[in-house]
Amino acid sequence: IYRGLSDKSYPVCSTYYRRFNLGKNPAEKPSAKEFQAYHEKLLLDAESYHYHKNKELSPIELLAELQHFSAATGLIDFSKNFLVALWFASNSNPKKDGKISLLSKDHCIDYVENKDLYQNTLNDFCLVDLNFKSNNRIFAQNGVFIFSNRVFYKNDLHEIVISKKDKEQIIIELKTFYNITESTLF
């Protein structure tokens, strides 16, 4: 699976990790229990405000919806389509090199609906590959998620650097040959 980042210096981690863990010493970082409690409260709050608009969503689907509207969750967007990741790596930050991070599914624990979602999130990566047809954006991006409370390290991923000088041409070619544009992805 692939994740495109427009600046190669960006870490591959969730918004939850960036907000609550990045730059902190180990004693200040939230525990596994705090990670779980945070997500449970986020889900309860969303359900109490009828965020799901009368759709029947599983907890992980609701987290995916919230994450796409800027909520800090433990989900990290990836795509099963390399070209989608290439678009994200090339579409912004024209003065910075981008990167595509490749993660082997073999390094992940598969998400199983009725298992404890939080069980292995501190040391492992939980792959959430559901049929997201109810969410057009995730479907268009061939989206999958990794759910975790840790950052990816260099040895977790393979990375391909996208040169800043190639970004504009890549975007043109993705549009011309594959119809991959902002309007088709969002």
Foldseek 3Di string as FASTA:
>chain_A
DKAKAQAAVDFQFFLLCVVAPPPDPPVRGDDLVVLVVVLVVVQVVCVVVVVVVPDDDASVRVVVVVVVVPDGAQKTKGAPDPLLNLCNNQVDDLVHKMKMKDADCVQEAEDDRPDDPSPPQAPGWYKAQDDVPVDQLCVLRNIIITGHNDTDDPVRTDMDIGDSVCSVVSQVCCCVPPVDDPVSND
